[in-house]
């Protein structure tokens, strides 16, 4: 996705970008959270 956004931005699928930001990133944060020390706040706690 990064290459497409940087080099072919006129051909970027905005639905895919939205899905990534709306669904994939929160799922990734849920997977990473148990691996972090308790002192580090996540995005929702800032």
C-alpha atoms as a PDB file:
ATOM      1  CA  UNK A   1       0.000   0.000   0.000  1.00  0.00           C
ATOM      2  CA  UNK A   2       2.847   2.425   0.794  1.00  0.00           C
ATOM      3  CA  UNK A   3       4.281   2.294  -2.741  1.00  0.00           C
ATOM      4  CA  UNK A   4       0.865   2.866  -4.208  1.00  0.00           C
ATOM      5  CA  UNK A   5       0.218   5.857  -1.957  1.00  0.00           C
ATOM      6  CA  UNK A   6       3.606   7.414  -2.691  1.00  0.00           C
ATOM      7  CA  UNK A   7       4.114   6.627  -6.363  1.00  0.00           C
ATOM      8  CA  UNK A   8       0.650   6.014  -7.802  1.00  0.00           C
ATOM      9  CA  UNK A   9      -1.586   8.153  -5.640  1.00  0.00           C
ATOM     10  CA  UNK A  10      -4.015   8.784  -8.482  1.00  0.00           C
ATOM     11  CA  UNK A  11      -4.665   5.024  -8.626  1.00  0.00           C
ATOM     12  CA  UNK A  12      -5.114   4.532  -4.858  1.00  0.00           C
ATOM     13  CA  UNK A  13      -8.154   2.581  -3.711  1.00  0.00           C
ATOM     14  CA  UNK A  14      -9.555   4.866  -1.014  1.00  0.00           C
ATOM     15  CA  UNK A  15     -11.864   2.127   0.270  1.00  0.00           C
ATOM     16  CA  UNK A  16      -8.800  -0.018   0.978  1.00  0.00           C
ATOM     17  CA  UNK A  17      -7.055   2.877   2.750  1.00  0.00           C
ATOM     18  CA  UNK A  18     -10.162   3.446   4.882  1.00  0.00           C
ATOM     19  CA  UNK A  19     -10.454  -0.269   5.710  1.00  0.00           C
ATOM     20  CA  UNK A  20      -6.820  -0.316   6.794  1.00  0.00           C
ATOM     21  CA  UNK A  21      -7.198   2.691   9.075  1.00  0.00           C
ATOM     22  CA  UNK A  22     -10.614   1.722  10.406  1.00  0.00           C
ATOM     23  CA  UNK A  23     -10.260  -2.069  10.824  1.00  0.00           C
ATOM     24  CA  UNK A  24      -6.743  -3.394  10.302  1.00  0.00           C
ATOM     25  CA  UNK A  25      -4.832  -0.956  12.530  1.00  0.00           C
ATOM     26  CA  UNK A  26      -7.108  -1.414  15.577  1.00  0.00           C
ATOM     27  CA  UNK A  27      -6.812  -5.204  15.160  1.00  0.00           C
ATOM     28  CA  UNK A  28      -3.023  -4.868  14.984  1.00  0.00           C
ATOM     29  CA  UNK A  29      -2.988  -2.738  18.147  1.00  0.00           C
ATOM     30  CA  UNK A  30      -5.018  -5.410  19.957  1.00  0.00           C
ATOM     31  CA  UNK A  31      -2.419  -8.003  18.980  1.00  0.00           C
ATOM     32  CA  UNK A  32       0.515  -5.811  20.015  1.00  0.00           C
ATOM     33  CA  UNK A  33      -0.932  -4.554  23.312  1.00  0.00           C
ATOM     34  CA  UNK A  34      -0.188  -7.732  25.328  1.00  0.00           C
ATOM     35  CA  UNK A  35       3.466  -7.512  24.259  1.00  0.00           C
ATOM     36  CA  UNK A  36       3.985  -3.968  25.571  1.00  0.00           C
ATOM     37  CA  UNK A  37       5.051  -3.053  29.108  1.00  0.00           C
ATOM     38  CA  UNK A  38       2.212  -1.615  31.192  1.00  0.00           C
ATOM     39  CA  UNK A  39       3.760   1.879  31.329  1.00  0.00           C
ATOM     40  CA  UNK A  40       3.308   2.621  27.616  1.00  0.00           C
ATOM     41  CA  UNK A  41      -0.123   4.154  26.847  1.00  0.00           C
ATOM     42  CA  UNK A  42      -1.835   3.138  23.633  1.00  0.00           C
ATOM     43  CA  UNK A  43      -3.524   5.573  21.263  1.00  0.00           C
ATOM     44  CA  UNK A  44      -6.876   5.333  23.016  1.00  0.00           C
ATOM     45  CA  UNK A  45      -5.308   6.228  26.359  1.00  0.00           C
ATOM     46  CA  UNK A  46      -3.490   9.406  25.265  1.00  0.00           C
END
